[in-house]
Amino acid sequence: MTNNKEIQQPIENAAKLHGHLGPFLVIGVRIGEMAKRHLDVDNKSSHRLQASIKTPLFTPFSCVIDGIQASTSCTVGNQRLKIEESTKETIAHFKLQNSDKTMTITVNPKVAETLVKEMSKGANPEHLAARISQMREEQLFVLEEY
């Protein structure tokens, strides 16, 4: 489980990159931070992390991509982030180069569906982002490590 204080700075950094704060951006940050923790990625090994994400390529789902880029430094530009379109699920796969360590993180579809409904009813995106930042990882994600 992630300590809310530990996630605040990465969320703020992602919001600067992305241009605003929203729940799907926070989901992306949480995915990236979780991957780094589970794969034992630190500043020295961060250049070895590779990511691929499969998600719908429209907002708000695509905001997850910026959260992952901001939190992992895996970007489209440095070619360590690959993006694939999905019809509805959001799944991120991470691999540490020169290692057998890999993992897949799937966003709980019920959480995503609830967020979309609440946003369509005018819910404040920053309030939803705060809620996502505090949710337990087990509620947000399905994790597979290999």
Protein backbone atom coordinates (compact mmCIF):
# COMPACT_ATOMS: atom_id res chain seq x y z
CA MET A 1 0.00 0.00 0.00
CA THR A 2 1.24 3.49 -0.83
CA ASN A 3 1.52 6.18 1.80
CA ASN A 4 -0.47 9.22 0.67
CA LYS A 5 2.42 11.58 1.56
CA GLU A 6 4.82 9.55 -0.59
CA ILE A 7 2.55 9.91 -3.63
CA GLN A 8 1.90 13.67 -3.29
CA GLN A 9 5.09 14.92 -4.97
CA PRO A 10 4.81 12.55 -7.96
CA ILE A 11 1.16 13.63 -8.37
CA GLU A 12 2.12 17.32 -8.28
CA ASN A 13 4.87 16.71 -10.85
CA ALA A 14 2.44 14.85 -13.11
CA ALA A 15 -0.16 17.63 -12.84
CA LYS A 16 2.48 20.16 -13.96
CA LEU A 17 3.33 18.02 -16.98
CA HIS A 18 -0.30 17.23 -17.79
CA GLY A 19 -1.72 20.72 -17.22
CA HIS A 20 -4.32 19.83 -14.59
CA LEU A 21 -5.13 17.34 -11.85
CA GLY A 22 -7.65 14.58 -12.43
CA PRO A 23 -8.39 11.05 -11.26
CA PHE A 24 -7.08 9.21 -14.30
CA LEU A 25 -3.78 11.10 -14.10
CA VAL A 26 -3.49 9.95 -10.48
CA ILE A 27 -4.26 6.38 -11.55
CA GLY A 28 -1.30 6.60 -13.94
CA VAL A 29 0.99 7.94 -11.24
CA ARG A 30 -0.12 5.20 -8.85
CA ILE A 31 0.56 2.58 -11.55
CA GLY A 32 4.05 3.95 -12.18
CA GLU A 33 4.96 4.20 -8.51
CA MET A 34 3.66 0.70 -7.85
CA ALA A 35 5.66 -0.73 -10.75
CA LYS A 36 8.86 0.93 -9.57
CA ARG A 37 8.34 -0.36 -6.04
CA HIS A 38 7.56 -3.94 -7.06
CA LEU A 39 10.42 -4.11 -9.58
CA ASP A 40 12.90 -2.46 -7.17
CA VAL A 41 13.58 0.45 -9.51
CA ASP A 42 15.63 3.29 -8.06
CA ASN A 43 17.32 6.32 -9.64
CA LYS A 44 20.26 4.19 -10.81
CA SER A 45 18.08 1.60 -12.56
CA SER A 46 15.21 3.79 -13.77
CA HIS A 47 16.70 3.94 -17.29
CA ARG A 48 16.22 0.15 -17.51
CA LEU A 49 12.45 0.30 -16.95
CA GLN A 50 10.25 -0.20 -20.01
CA ALA A 51 6.48 0.17 -20.10
CA SER A 52 3.63 -0.55 -22.44
CA ILE A 53 0.07 0.54 -21.86
CA LYS A 54 -3.14 -0.55 -23.47
CA THR A 55 -5.96 1.93 -22.86
CA PRO A 56 -8.72 3.77 -24.71
CA LEU A 57 -7.02 6.66 -26.51
CA PHE A 58 -9.47 9.36 -25.51
CA THR A 59 -9.93 11.41 -22.36
CA PRO A 60 -10.20 10.77 -19.53
CA PHE A 61 -8.58 7.32 -20.02
CA SER A 62 -5.59 8.63 -21.97
CA CYS A 63 -4.63 10.80 -18.98
CA VAL A 64 -3.28 7.61 -17.39
CA ILE A 65 -0.48 7.75 -19.98
CA ASP A 66 0.83 11.09 -18.70
CA GLY A 67 0.72 9.82 -15.12
CA ILE A 68 2.87 6.85 -16.09
CA GLN A 69 5.28 9.03 -18.08
CA ALA A 70 5.67 11.52 -15.22
CA SER A 71 6.18 8.91 -12.51
CA THR A 72 8.47 6.48 -14.33
CA SER A 73 10.37 8.59 -16.89
CA CYS A 74 9.28 6.00 -19.46
CA THR A 75 8.13 8.26 -22.27
CA VAL A 76 7.12 8.02 -25.88
CA GLY A 77 10.08 10.27 -26.72
CA ASN A 78 12.74 8.06 -25.12
CA GLN A 79 10.99 5.03 -26.62
CA ARG A 80 10.62 3.26 -23.28
CA LEU A 81 6.82 3.64 -23.38
CA LYS A 82 4.70 1.91 -26.00
CA ILE A 83 1.01 2.73 -26.33
CA GLU A 84 -1.70 0.52 -27.76
CA GLU A 85 -5.39 1.33 -28.13
CA SER A 86 -7.92 -0.64 -26.15
CA THR A 87 -11.67 -0.65 -26.44
CA LYS A 88 -12.24 -0.39 -22.70
CA GLU A 89 -9.65 -1.83 -20.31
CA THR A 90 -6.51 -0.13 -19.06
CA ILE A 91 -3.57 -2.49 -18.66
CA ALA A 92 0.07 -1.53 -18.07
CA HIS A 93 2.95 -3.94 -18.50
CA PHE A 94 6.42 -3.22 -17.11
CA LYS A 95 9.76 -4.90 -17.72
CA LEU A 96 13.17 -4.26 -16.28
CA GLN A 97 15.81 -4.60 -19.02
CA ASN A 98 18.52 -7.22 -18.38
CA SER A 99 16.24 -8.87 -15.83
CA ASP A 100 13.49 -11.46 -15.69
CA LYS A 101 11.36 -9.07 -13.64
CA THR A 102 8.07 -8.11 -15.28
CA MET A 103 4.64 -7.16 -14.04
CA THR A 104 1.20 -6.29 -15.32
CA ILE A 105 -1.17 -3.88 -13.61
CA THR A 106 -4.82 -3.77 -14.67
CA VAL A 107 -7.09 -0.92 -13.57
CA ASN A 108 -10.20 -2.20 -11.84
CA PRO A 109 -12.90 -1.61 -14.50
CA LYS A 110 -15.53 -0.83 -11.84
CA VAL A 111 -13.40 2.02 -10.49
CA ALA A 112 -12.93 3.47 -14.00
CA GLU A 113 -16.63 3.13 -14.76
CA THR A 114 -17.61 4.87 -11.51
CA LEU A 115 -15.19 7.73 -12.19
CA VAL A 116 -16.54 8.28 -15.71
CA LYS A 117 -20.12 8.35 -14.39
CA GLU A 118 -19.24 10.81 -11.63
CA MET A 119 -17.30 13.05 -14.02
CA SER A 120 -20.20 13.07 -16.49
CA LYS A 121 -22.42 14.32 -13.64
CA GLY A 122 -20.04 17.22 -13.00
CA ALA A 123 -18.03 15.88 -10.04
CA ASN A 124 -14.96 17.94 -9.23
CA PRO A 125 -11.94 16.20 -10.88
CA GLU A 126 -9.58 17.33 -8.10
CA HIS A 127 -11.82 15.77 -5.44
CA LEU A 128 -11.95 12.53 -7.43
CA ALA A 129 -8.16 12.67 -7.80
CA ALA A 130 -7.77 13.02 -4.02
CA ARG A 131 -10.03 10.00 -3.50
CA ILE A 132 -7.98 7.92 -5.97
CA SER A 133 -4.73 8.96 -4.27
CA GLN A 134 -6.03 7.50 -1.00
CA MET A 135 -7.59 4.26 -2.25
CA ARG A 136 -5.91 0.98 -1.44
CA GLU A 137 -3.99 -0.55 -4.35
CA GLU A 138 -6.06 -3.72 -3.99
CA GLN A 139 -9.21 -1.67 -4.74
CA LEU A 140 -7.71 0.10 -7.74
CA PHE A 141 -5.68 -2.60 -9.46
CA VAL A 142 -5.17 -6.23 -10.26
CA LEU A 143 -1.46 -7.01 -10.07
CA GLU A 144 0.37 -9.86 -11.79
CA GLU A 145 4.10 -10.34 -11.22
CA TYR A 146 6.18 -12.75 -13.23
